[in-house]
Amino acid sequence: MAAAEGTVESTAEPAEHAGLPQMDVGTFPSQVFWLAITFGLLFFVLWRKTLPMIAGAIGARREQIEGDLGTAETLRKDAAGALAGYESALASARKGAVQLANDNRKGIQTEIDQMKAAADATAQASAAEAERRIAAERAKAVVGVRAAASSAAADIVERLLGMPVSADEADRAVAAVETKGA
């Protein structure tokens, strides 16, 4: 270590050369020479290697962007076509749904009309049957009333006059009264 210390002390410059060594006017020509060589090498490396790589990367990027824009435009056109197809299909489906609803409404109305006609026919048949039964019951009632009237007339005449009246005579008298009243 002593030898290392000695070399440090022997290389030390005198105090008059204190400051930055690159500012020493005596070394300017060599500094300018090495600056020119370094700049030339750096320019040559940039000109031959780096700038073509940068230009290639920019060109590749430009081509990629143009390709992506072309693809995007194609996809936009496809999407517009798909949207038009979708809207057309939707309009067609709506039209079909309206037509189906109208057909169903007409079918239901037809069924209702048929059911109503069948119900009316059934009601008319039931009303006719009821009128027939009423007429039959009325006829039975008339027969029963005639029989009761004949019997009552015979009993009344027998009680009032004391004479027996036959059933045929009582029936004829009730029939004669009926024809006068009608």
N, C-alpha and C. Protein backbone atom coordinates (compact mmCIF):
# COMPACT_ATOMS: atom_id res chain seq x y z
N MET A 1 0.79 -1.17 0.00
CA MET A 1 0.00 0.00 0.00
C MET A 1 0.85 1.26 0.00
N ALA A 2 1.96 1.17 0.53
CA ALA A 2 2.85 2.33 0.55
C ALA A 2 3.22 2.74 -0.85
N ALA A 3 3.39 1.74 -1.73
CA ALA A 3 3.74 2.08 -3.10
C ALA A 3 2.57 2.76 -3.79
N ALA A 4 1.37 2.34 -3.50
CA ALA A 4 0.21 2.96 -4.09
C ALA A 4 0.07 4.40 -3.64
N GLU A 5 0.40 4.64 -2.37
CA GLU A 5 0.31 6.00 -1.87
C GLU A 5 1.35 6.89 -2.54
N GLY A 6 2.50 6.35 -2.78
CA GLY A 6 3.57 7.12 -3.41
C GLY A 6 3.21 7.51 -4.82
N THR A 7 2.51 6.62 -5.55
CA THR A 7 2.15 6.96 -6.91
C THR A 7 1.09 8.04 -6.94
N VAL A 8 0.23 8.05 -5.97
CA VAL A 8 -0.81 9.08 -5.94
C VAL A 8 -0.17 10.43 -5.72
N GLU A 9 0.80 10.47 -4.84
CA GLU A 9 1.46 11.73 -4.55
C GLU A 9 2.30 12.20 -5.72
N SER A 10 2.91 11.27 -6.49
CA SER A 10 3.79 11.67 -7.57
C SER A 10 3.01 12.15 -8.79
N THR A 11 1.75 11.72 -8.97
CA THR A 11 0.95 12.14 -10.12
C THR A 11 0.20 13.41 -9.85
N ALA A 12 0.19 13.88 -8.67
CA ALA A 12 -0.54 15.11 -8.35
C ALA A 12 0.07 16.27 -9.09
N GLU A 13 -0.68 17.13 -9.65
CA GLU A 13 -0.19 18.27 -10.42
C GLU A 13 0.05 19.45 -9.49
N PRO A 14 0.82 20.34 -9.95
CA PRO A 14 1.05 21.54 -9.13
C PRO A 14 -0.22 22.36 -9.02
N ALA A 15 -0.30 23.24 -8.11
CA ALA A 15 -1.47 24.03 -7.79
C ALA A 15 -1.84 24.98 -8.91
N GLU A 16 -0.95 25.34 -9.78
CA GLU A 16 -1.24 26.29 -10.84
C GLU A 16 -2.13 25.69 -11.91
N HIS A 17 -2.16 24.34 -12.04
CA HIS A 17 -3.02 23.68 -13.01
C HIS A 17 -4.31 23.21 -12.37
N ALA A 18 -4.76 23.81 -11.35
CA ALA A 18 -5.98 23.40 -10.68
C ALA A 18 -7.19 23.77 -11.55
N GLY A 19 -8.26 22.97 -11.49
CA GLY A 19 -9.46 23.21 -12.27
C GLY A 19 -9.80 22.00 -13.12
N LEU A 20 -10.68 22.15 -14.07
CA LEU A 20 -11.14 21.04 -14.91
C LEU A 20 -10.12 20.79 -16.01
N PRO A 21 -9.73 19.53 -16.23
CA PRO A 21 -8.71 19.25 -17.23
C PRO A 21 -9.20 19.52 -18.64
N GLN A 22 -10.50 19.38 -18.93
CA GLN A 22 -10.98 19.64 -20.27
C GLN A 22 -10.95 21.12 -20.61
N MET A 23 -10.72 21.96 -19.63
CA MET A 23 -10.63 23.40 -19.87
C MET A 23 -9.18 23.85 -20.10
N ASP A 24 -8.32 22.92 -20.04
CA ASP A 24 -6.91 23.23 -20.27
C ASP A 24 -6.72 23.49 -21.76
N VAL A 25 -6.28 24.66 -22.14
CA VAL A 25 -6.14 25.09 -23.53
C VAL A 25 -5.11 24.22 -24.26
N GLY A 26 -4.20 23.66 -23.56
CA GLY A 26 -3.16 22.86 -24.18
C GLY A 26 -3.70 21.54 -24.73
N THR A 27 -4.81 21.04 -24.20
CA THR A 27 -5.36 19.77 -24.67
C THR A 27 -6.51 19.96 -25.64
N PHE A 28 -6.83 21.14 -26.04
CA PHE A 28 -7.95 21.40 -26.95
C PHE A 28 -7.80 20.71 -28.30
N PRO A 29 -6.65 20.76 -28.94
CA PRO A 29 -6.56 20.12 -30.26
C PRO A 29 -6.85 18.61 -30.19
N SER A 30 -6.33 17.93 -29.17
CA SER A 30 -6.61 16.48 -29.08
C SER A 30 -8.07 16.25 -28.72
N GLN A 31 -8.64 17.11 -27.90
CA GLN A 31 -10.05 16.96 -27.55
C GLN A 31 -10.92 17.16 -28.79
N VAL A 32 -10.62 18.15 -29.62
CA VAL A 32 -11.37 18.40 -30.84
C VAL A 32 -11.21 17.23 -31.80
N PHE A 33 -9.97 16.67 -31.89
CA PHE A 33 -9.73 15.51 -32.76
C PHE A 33 -10.60 14.34 -32.33
N TRP A 34 -10.58 14.00 -31.04
CA TRP A 34 -11.37 12.86 -30.56
C TRP A 34 -12.88 13.15 -30.62
N LEU A 35 -13.23 14.39 -30.47
CA LEU A 35 -14.64 14.76 -30.62
C LEU A 35 -15.10 14.52 -32.07
N ALA A 36 -14.30 14.92 -33.03
CA ALA A 36 -14.63 14.72 -34.44
C ALA A 36 -14.70 13.24 -34.77
N ILE A 37 -13.77 12.45 -34.27
CA ILE A 37 -13.77 10.99 -34.54
C ILE A 37 -15.00 10.35 -33.89
N THR A 38 -15.29 10.71 -32.65
CA THR A 38 -16.44 10.15 -31.93
C THR A 38 -17.73 10.56 -32.63
N PHE A 39 -17.83 11.83 -33.01
CA PHE A 39 -19.02 12.30 -33.72
C PHE A 39 -19.17 11.58 -35.06
N GLY A 40 -18.11 11.42 -35.77
CA GLY A 40 -18.14 10.73 -37.06
C GLY A 40 -18.58 9.28 -36.90
N LEU A 41 -18.01 8.58 -35.92
CA LEU A 41 -18.42 7.19 -35.67
C LEU A 41 -19.89 7.12 -35.25
N LEU A 42 -20.28 8.01 -34.37
CA LEU A 42 -21.67 8.03 -33.93
C LEU A 42 -22.59 8.34 -35.10
N PHE A 43 -22.21 9.31 -35.95
CA PHE A 43 -23.01 9.65 -37.13
C PHE A 43 -23.09 8.46 -38.08
N PHE A 44 -21.96 7.79 -38.29
CA PHE A 44 -21.94 6.63 -39.19
C PHE A 44 -22.83 5.51 -38.65
N VAL A 45 -22.75 5.23 -37.35
CA VAL A 45 -23.59 4.17 -36.75
C VAL A 45 -25.05 4.55 -36.84
N LEU A 46 -25.38 5.80 -36.55
CA LEU A 46 -26.77 6.23 -36.63
C LEU A 46 -27.26 6.18 -38.08
N TRP A 47 -26.41 6.64 -39.02
CA TRP A 47 -26.80 6.72 -40.42
C TRP A 47 -26.97 5.34 -41.02
N ARG A 48 -26.09 4.40 -40.71
CA ARG A 48 -26.11 3.08 -41.33
C ARG A 48 -26.96 2.06 -40.56
N LYS A 49 -27.07 2.18 -39.27
CA LYS A 49 -27.77 1.15 -38.47
C LYS A 49 -29.06 1.67 -37.86
N THR A 50 -28.99 2.68 -37.04
CA THR A 50 -30.12 3.09 -36.21
C THR A 50 -31.21 3.77 -37.03
N LEU A 51 -30.86 4.70 -37.90
CA LEU A 51 -31.88 5.40 -38.68
C LEU A 51 -32.64 4.46 -39.61
N PRO A 52 -32.00 3.51 -40.30
CA PRO A 52 -32.79 2.56 -41.09
C PRO A 52 -33.71 1.69 -40.23
N MET A 53 -33.23 1.33 -39.04
CA MET A 53 -34.10 0.53 -38.15
C MET A 53 -35.30 1.37 -37.71
N ILE A 54 -35.08 2.65 -37.38
CA ILE A 54 -36.17 3.52 -36.97
C ILE A 54 -37.12 3.74 -38.14
N ALA A 55 -36.58 4.00 -39.35
CA ALA A 55 -37.42 4.20 -40.53
C ALA A 55 -38.22 2.93 -40.83
N GLY A 56 -37.59 1.77 -40.69
CA GLY A 56 -38.30 0.51 -40.92
C GLY A 56 -39.41 0.30 -39.90
N ALA A 57 -39.13 0.63 -38.65
CA ALA A 57 -40.15 0.48 -37.61
C ALA A 57 -41.32 1.43 -37.86
N ILE A 58 -40.98 2.67 -38.27
CA ILE A 58 -42.05 3.64 -38.56
C ILE A 58 -42.86 3.18 -39.76
N GLY A 59 -42.19 2.69 -40.80
CA GLY A 59 -42.90 2.20 -41.98
C GLY A 59 -43.78 1.00 -41.64
N ALA A 60 -43.22 0.07 -40.85
CA ALA A 60 -44.01 -1.10 -40.45
C ALA A 60 -45.22 -0.68 -39.63
N ARG A 61 -45.01 0.28 -38.77
CA ARG A 61 -46.10 0.78 -37.93
C ARG A 61 -47.16 1.46 -38.80
N ARG A 62 -46.71 2.27 -39.80
CA ARG A 62 -47.64 2.93 -40.70
C ARG A 62 -48.45 1.88 -41.49
N GLU A 63 -47.78 0.85 -41.99
CA GLU A 63 -48.47 -0.20 -42.72
C GLU A 63 -49.47 -0.94 -41.81
N GLN A 64 -49.04 -1.18 -40.57
CA GLN A 64 -49.94 -1.84 -39.61
C GLN A 64 -51.17 -0.98 -39.35
N ILE A 65 -50.96 0.32 -39.17
CA ILE A 65 -52.08 1.23 -38.90
C ILE A 65 -53.00 1.29 -40.11
N GLU A 66 -52.43 1.40 -41.32
CA GLU A 66 -53.26 1.45 -42.53
C GLU A 66 -54.03 0.15 -42.71
N GLY A 67 -53.36 -0.97 -42.43
CA GLY A 67 -54.05 -2.26 -42.51
C GLY A 67 -55.17 -2.35 -41.48
N ASP A 68 -54.90 -1.87 -40.27
CA ASP A 68 -55.93 -1.90 -39.23
C ASP A 68 -57.10 -0.98 -39.59
N LEU A 69 -56.80 0.18 -40.19
CA LEU A 69 -57.87 1.08 -40.61
C LEU A 69 -58.69 0.46 -41.73
N GLY A 70 -58.02 -0.22 -42.66
CA GLY A 70 -58.76 -0.91 -43.73
C GLY A 70 -59.64 -2.01 -43.17
N THR A 71 -59.09 -2.78 -42.23
CA THR A 71 -59.88 -3.84 -41.59
C THR A 71 -61.05 -3.25 -40.82
N ALA A 72 -60.80 -2.15 -40.12
CA ALA A 72 -61.87 -1.50 -39.36
C ALA A 72 -62.97 -1.01 -40.29
N GLU A 73 -62.58 -0.45 -41.44
CA GLU A 73 -63.58 0.03 -42.40
C GLU A 73 -64.40 -1.14 -42.95
N THR A 74 -63.72 -2.24 -43.25
CA THR A 74 -64.41 -3.44 -43.73
C THR A 74 -65.38 -3.96 -42.67
N LEU A 75 -64.92 -4.01 -41.44
CA LEU A 75 -65.78 -4.49 -40.35
C LEU A 75 -66.95 -3.53 -40.11
N ARG A 76 -66.70 -2.22 -40.28
CA ARG A 76 -67.78 -1.25 -40.11
C ARG A 76 -68.85 -1.46 -41.18
N LYS A 77 -68.41 -1.70 -42.42
CA LYS A 77 -69.36 -1.96 -43.50
C LYS A 77 -70.12 -3.25 -43.24
N ASP A 78 -69.40 -4.28 -42.76
CA ASP A 78 -70.08 -5.55 -42.43
C ASP A 78 -71.09 -5.35 -41.31
N ALA A 79 -70.72 -4.56 -40.32
CA ALA A 79 -71.64 -4.29 -39.20
C ALA A 79 -72.86 -3.52 -39.68
N ALA A 80 -72.63 -2.56 -40.59
CA ALA A 80 -73.77 -1.80 -41.14
C ALA A 80 -74.68 -2.74 -41.92
N GLY A 81 -74.10 -3.65 -42.69
CA GLY A 81 -74.91 -4.63 -43.43
C GLY A 81 -75.66 -5.55 -42.48
N ALA A 82 -74.98 -5.99 -41.43
CA ALA A 82 -75.65 -6.86 -40.45
C ALA A 82 -76.77 -6.12 -39.75
N LEU A 83 -76.56 -4.84 -39.45
CA LEU A 83 -77.60 -4.04 -38.80
C LEU A 83 -78.80 -3.89 -39.73
N ALA A 84 -78.54 -3.64 -41.02
CA ALA A 84 -79.64 -3.52 -41.97
C ALA A 84 -80.39 -4.85 -42.08
N GLY A 85 -79.67 -5.96 -42.10
CA GLY A 85 -80.31 -7.27 -42.13
C GLY A 85 -81.13 -7.53 -40.87
N TYR A 86 -80.59 -7.14 -39.73
CA TYR A 86 -81.29 -7.31 -38.46
C TYR A 86 -82.57 -6.49 -38.45
N GLU A 87 -82.47 -5.22 -38.90
CA GLU A 87 -83.66 -4.37 -38.92
C GLU A 87 -84.70 -4.91 -39.89
N SER A 88 -84.25 -5.45 -41.01
CA SER A 88 -85.17 -6.03 -41.97
C SER A 88 -85.85 -7.27 -41.38
N ALA A 89 -85.06 -8.11 -40.74
CA ALA A 89 -85.63 -9.30 -40.11
C ALA A 89 -86.59 -8.92 -38.99
N LEU A 90 -86.24 -7.89 -38.23
CA LEU A 90 -87.10 -7.44 -37.14
C LEU A 90 -88.41 -6.89 -37.68
N ALA A 91 -88.34 -6.11 -38.76
CA ALA A 91 -89.57 -5.58 -39.36
C ALA A 91 -90.42 -6.73 -39.91
N SER A 92 -89.78 -7.70 -40.52
CA SER A 92 -90.51 -8.85 -41.06
C SER A 92 -91.15 -9.65 -39.92
N ALA A 93 -90.41 -9.82 -38.84
CA ALA A 93 -90.96 -10.54 -37.69
C ALA A 93 -92.14 -9.78 -37.08
N ARG A 94 -92.03 -8.47 -37.00
CA ARG A 94 -93.14 -7.68 -36.47
C ARG A 94 -94.36 -7.80 -37.37
N LYS A 95 -94.13 -7.73 -38.68
CA LYS A 95 -95.23 -7.85 -39.63
C LYS A 95 -95.87 -9.23 -39.50
N GLY A 96 -95.04 -10.27 -39.36
CA GLY A 96 -95.56 -11.62 -39.18
C GLY A 96 -96.34 -11.75 -37.88
N ALA A 97 -95.85 -11.10 -36.82
CA ALA A 97 -96.54 -11.16 -35.53
C ALA A 97 -97.89 -10.46 -35.61
N VAL A 98 -97.93 -9.32 -36.29
CA VAL A 98 -99.20 -8.60 -36.44
C VAL A 98 -100.17 -9.46 -37.26
N GLN A 99 -99.67 -10.07 -38.34
CA GLN A 99 -100.52 -10.93 -39.16
C GLN A 99 -101.02 -12.12 -38.36
N LEU A 100 -100.14 -12.73 -37.57
CA LEU A 100 -100.53 -13.86 -36.74
C LEU A 100 -101.57 -13.44 -35.70
N ALA A 101 -101.37 -12.27 -35.10
CA ALA A 101 -102.33 -11.77 -34.11
C ALA A 101 -103.69 -11.53 -34.77
N ASN A 102 -103.67 -10.95 -35.98
CA ASN A 102 -104.94 -10.72 -36.70
C ASN A 102 -105.61 -12.04 -37.05
N ASP A 103 -104.82 -13.00 -37.52
CA ASP A 103 -105.39 -14.32 -37.84
C ASP A 103 -105.98 -14.97 -36.60
N ASN A 104 -105.25 -14.89 -35.48
CA ASN A 104 -105.76 -15.46 -34.23
C ASN A 104 -107.03 -14.76 -33.79
N ARG A 105 -107.05 -13.42 -33.93
CA ARG A 105 -108.23 -12.65 -33.54
C ARG A 105 -109.43 -13.07 -34.39
N LYS A 106 -109.20 -13.22 -35.71
CA LYS A 106 -110.29 -13.65 -36.60
C LYS A 106 -110.74 -15.07 -36.25
N GLY A 107 -109.77 -15.95 -35.98
CA GLY A 107 -110.12 -17.32 -35.61
C GLY A 107 -110.91 -17.37 -34.31
N ILE A 108 -110.49 -16.60 -33.34
CA ILE A 108 -111.19 -16.56 -32.06
C ILE A 108 -112.59 -15.98 -32.24
N GLN A 109 -112.68 -14.90 -33.05
CA GLN A 109 -114.00 -14.31 -33.30
C GLN A 109 -114.92 -15.31 -33.99
N THR A 110 -114.35 -16.08 -34.93
CA THR A 110 -115.15 -17.10 -35.61
C THR A 110 -115.62 -18.16 -34.62
N GLU A 111 -114.71 -18.59 -33.76
CA GLU A 111 -115.09 -19.58 -32.74
C GLU A 111 -116.16 -19.02 -31.81
N ILE A 112 -116.00 -17.75 -31.41
CA ILE A 112 -116.99 -17.13 -30.52
C ILE A 112 -118.35 -17.07 -31.22
N ASP A 113 -118.34 -16.68 -32.51
CA ASP A 113 -119.59 -16.61 -33.27
C ASP A 113 -120.23 -18.00 -33.38
N GLN A 114 -119.40 -19.01 -33.62
CA GLN A 114 -119.93 -20.38 -33.72
C GLN A 114 -120.50 -20.83 -32.37
N MET A 115 -119.76 -20.54 -31.32
CA MET A 115 -120.23 -20.94 -29.98
C MET A 115 -121.51 -20.18 -29.62
N LYS A 116 -121.55 -18.88 -30.01
CA LYS A 116 -122.74 -18.08 -29.73
C LYS A 116 -123.93 -18.63 -30.51
N ALA A 117 -123.70 -18.98 -31.80
CA ALA A 117 -124.78 -19.55 -32.61
C ALA A 117 -125.23 -20.88 -32.02
N ALA A 118 -124.28 -21.71 -31.58
CA ALA A 118 -124.64 -22.98 -30.97
C ALA A 118 -125.41 -22.76 -29.67
N ALA A 119 -124.97 -21.77 -28.89
CA ALA A 119 -125.67 -21.48 -27.64
C ALA A 119 -127.07 -20.94 -27.92
N ASP A 120 -127.19 -20.07 -28.96
CA ASP A 120 -128.51 -19.56 -29.33
C ASP A 120 -129.42 -20.70 -29.79
N ALA A 121 -128.86 -21.60 -30.61
CA ALA A 121 -129.65 -22.74 -31.09
C ALA A 121 -130.06 -23.62 -29.91
N THR A 122 -129.14 -23.84 -29.00
CA THR A 122 -129.47 -24.64 -27.81
C THR A 122 -130.52 -23.94 -26.97
N ALA A 123 -130.38 -22.61 -26.81
CA ALA A 123 -131.36 -21.86 -26.03
C ALA A 123 -132.72 -21.88 -26.70
N GLN A 124 -132.74 -21.73 -28.04
CA GLN A 124 -134.02 -21.78 -28.75
C GLN A 124 -134.65 -23.17 -28.65
N ALA A 125 -133.81 -24.18 -28.75
CA ALA A 125 -134.33 -25.55 -28.62
C ALA A 125 -134.86 -25.77 -27.21
N SER A 126 -134.12 -25.26 -26.21
CA SER A 126 -134.57 -25.40 -24.83
C SER A 126 -135.86 -24.61 -24.61
N ALA A 127 -135.94 -23.40 -25.21
CA ALA A 127 -137.15 -22.58 -25.06
C ALA A 127 -138.34 -23.28 -25.74
N ALA A 128 -138.11 -23.85 -26.92
CA ALA A 128 -139.18 -24.57 -27.63
C ALA A 128 -139.63 -25.78 -26.82
N GLU A 129 -138.65 -26.48 -26.24
CA GLU A 129 -139.00 -27.65 -25.39
C GLU A 129 -139.77 -27.20 -24.17
N ALA A 130 -139.33 -26.07 -23.57
CA ALA A 130 -140.04 -25.55 -22.40
C ALA A 130 -141.46 -25.13 -22.77
N GLU A 131 -141.62 -24.46 -23.92
CA GLU A 131 -142.96 -24.06 -24.36
C GLU A 131 -143.83 -25.29 -24.63
N ARG A 132 -143.21 -26.32 -25.21
CA ARG A 132 -143.98 -27.55 -25.45
C ARG A 132 -144.42 -28.18 -24.13
N ARG A 133 -143.51 -28.20 -23.17
CA ARG A 133 -143.87 -28.77 -21.86
C ARG A 133 -144.93 -27.92 -21.17
N ILE A 134 -144.76 -26.58 -21.32
CA ILE A 134 -145.77 -25.69 -20.72
C ILE A 134 -147.12 -25.92 -21.37
N ALA A 135 -147.11 -26.02 -22.71
CA ALA A 135 -148.38 -26.27 -23.42
C ALA A 135 -148.98 -27.60 -22.98
N ALA A 136 -148.12 -28.61 -22.81
CA ALA A 136 -148.62 -29.92 -22.36
C ALA A 136 -149.17 -29.81 -20.94
N GLU A 137 -148.46 -29.08 -20.11
CA GLU A 137 -148.93 -28.91 -18.73
C GLU A 137 -150.21 -28.08 -18.71
N ARG A 138 -150.26 -27.06 -19.59
CA ARG A 138 -151.46 -26.24 -19.67
C ARG A 138 -152.65 -27.11 -20.13
N ALA A 139 -152.38 -27.96 -21.12
CA ALA A 139 -153.45 -28.84 -21.61
C ALA A 139 -153.90 -29.77 -20.49
N LYS A 140 -152.94 -30.30 -19.73
CA LYS A 140 -153.30 -31.17 -18.60
C LYS A 140 -154.10 -30.37 -17.57
N ALA A 141 -153.64 -29.12 -17.34
CA ALA A 141 -154.32 -28.28 -16.36
C ALA A 141 -155.73 -27.96 -16.82
N VAL A 142 -155.90 -27.69 -18.12
CA VAL A 142 -157.22 -27.39 -18.65
C VAL A 142 -158.12 -28.61 -18.48
N VAL A 143 -157.57 -29.77 -18.79
CA VAL A 143 -158.35 -31.01 -18.63
C VAL A 143 -158.71 -31.19 -17.16
N GLY A 144 -157.70 -30.93 -16.30
CA GLY A 144 -157.96 -31.06 -14.87
C GLY A 144 -158.95 -30.03 -14.38
N VAL A 145 -158.87 -28.81 -14.90
CA VAL A 145 -159.81 -27.75 -14.50
C VAL A 145 -161.20 -28.09 -15.02
N ARG A 146 -161.29 -28.58 -16.25
CA ARG A 146 -162.60 -28.98 -16.79
C ARG A 146 -163.21 -30.08 -15.94
N ALA A 147 -162.33 -31.03 -15.61
CA ALA A 147 -162.85 -32.13 -14.79
C ALA A 147 -163.29 -31.60 -13.43
N ALA A 148 -162.51 -30.70 -12.86
CA ALA A 148 -162.86 -30.14 -11.56
C ALA A 148 -164.09 -29.26 -11.68
N ALA A 149 -164.15 -28.48 -12.79
CA ALA A 149 -165.32 -27.61 -13.00
C ALA A 149 -166.58 -28.46 -13.21
N SER A 150 -166.46 -29.51 -13.98
CA SER A 150 -167.62 -30.40 -14.21
C SER A 150 -168.06 -31.02 -12.90
N SER A 151 -167.10 -31.49 -12.16
CA SER A 151 -167.44 -32.12 -10.87
C SER A 151 -168.04 -31.09 -9.92
N ALA A 152 -167.46 -29.87 -9.90
CA ALA A 152 -167.97 -28.83 -9.02
C ALA A 152 -169.36 -28.39 -9.47
N ALA A 153 -169.56 -28.27 -10.79
CA ALA A 153 -170.87 -27.87 -11.30
C ALA A 153 -171.92 -28.92 -10.95
N ALA A 154 -171.57 -30.18 -11.09
CA ALA A 154 -172.51 -31.25 -10.75
C ALA A 154 -172.83 -31.21 -9.27
N ASP A 155 -171.86 -31.01 -8.42
CA ASP A 155 -172.09 -30.96 -6.98
C ASP A 155 -172.93 -29.73 -6.60
N ILE A 156 -172.65 -28.59 -7.25
CA ILE A 156 -173.39 -27.37 -6.94
C ILE A 156 -174.86 -27.53 -7.34
N VAL A 157 -175.09 -28.05 -8.55
CA VAL A 157 -176.47 -28.24 -9.03
C VAL A 157 -177.18 -29.23 -8.11
N GLU A 158 -176.51 -30.27 -7.70
CA GLU A 158 -177.15 -31.28 -6.83
C GLU A 158 -177.45 -30.66 -5.47
N ARG A 159 -176.66 -29.83 -4.94
CA ARG A 159 -176.90 -29.24 -3.63
C ARG A 159 -177.98 -28.16 -3.73
N LEU A 160 -177.89 -27.37 -4.78
CA LEU A 160 -178.86 -26.29 -4.89
C LEU A 160 -180.24 -26.80 -5.34
N LEU A 161 -180.28 -27.62 -6.32
CA LEU A 161 -181.55 -28.07 -6.88
C LEU A 161 -181.96 -29.45 -6.33
N GLY A 162 -181.05 -30.15 -5.82
CA GLY A 162 -181.33 -31.46 -5.27
C GLY A 162 -181.49 -32.51 -6.33
N MET A 163 -181.09 -32.24 -7.56
CA MET A 163 -181.20 -33.18 -8.65
C MET A 163 -179.81 -33.68 -9.00
N PRO A 164 -179.68 -34.97 -9.21
CA PRO A 164 -178.38 -35.46 -9.65
C PRO A 164 -178.17 -35.13 -11.12
N VAL A 165 -176.90 -34.74 -11.45
CA VAL A 165 -176.53 -34.41 -12.84
C VAL A 165 -175.44 -35.41 -13.23
N SER A 166 -175.57 -35.92 -14.47
CA SER A 166 -174.58 -36.89 -14.92
C SER A 166 -173.28 -36.14 -15.27
N ALA A 167 -172.20 -36.87 -15.32
CA ALA A 167 -170.90 -36.30 -15.63
C ALA A 167 -170.87 -35.79 -17.06
N ASP A 168 -171.54 -36.45 -17.99
CA ASP A 168 -171.57 -36.00 -19.39
C ASP A 168 -172.31 -34.67 -19.49
N GLU A 169 -173.40 -34.55 -18.79
CA GLU A 169 -174.15 -33.31 -18.85
C GLU A 169 -173.34 -32.16 -18.26
N ALA A 170 -172.64 -32.42 -17.16
CA ALA A 170 -171.81 -31.40 -16.52
C ALA A 170 -170.67 -31.00 -17.46
N ASP A 171 -170.07 -31.96 -18.17
CA ASP A 171 -168.99 -31.66 -19.12
C ASP A 171 -169.51 -30.79 -20.27
N ARG A 172 -170.69 -31.11 -20.78
CA ARG A 172 -171.24 -30.32 -21.88
C ARG A 172 -171.54 -28.90 -21.41
N ALA A 173 -172.03 -28.72 -20.21
CA ALA A 173 -172.35 -27.40 -19.69
C ALA A 173 -171.05 -26.58 -19.53
N VAL A 174 -170.00 -27.19 -19.02
CA VAL A 174 -168.71 -26.49 -18.84
C VAL A 174 -168.13 -26.15 -20.20
N ALA A 175 -168.23 -27.03 -21.19
CA ALA A 175 -167.75 -26.76 -22.54
C ALA A 175 -168.53 -25.61 -23.17
N ALA A 176 -169.84 -25.54 -22.94
CA ALA A 176 -170.64 -24.46 -23.48
C ALA A 176 -170.25 -23.13 -22.86
N VAL A 177 -169.95 -23.11 -21.60
CA VAL A 177 -169.50 -21.87 -20.92
C VAL A 177 -168.14 -21.47 -21.45
N GLU A 178 -167.27 -22.42 -21.70
CA GLU A 178 -165.95 -22.13 -22.22
C GLU A 178 -166.00 -21.50 -23.60
N THR A 179 -166.84 -22.01 -24.46
CA THR A 179 -166.93 -21.46 -25.81
C THR A 179 -167.53 -20.07 -25.79
N LYS A 180 -168.43 -19.76 -24.89
CA LYS A 180 -169.00 -18.42 -24.77
C LYS A 180 -167.91 -17.45 -24.26
N GLY A 181 -167.06 -17.89 -23.34
CA GLY A 181 -166.04 -17.02 -22.76
C GLY A 181 -164.87 -16.79 -23.70
N ALA A 182 -164.64 -17.67 -24.62
CA ALA A 182 -163.51 -17.54 -25.52
C ALA A 182 -163.88 -16.72 -26.66
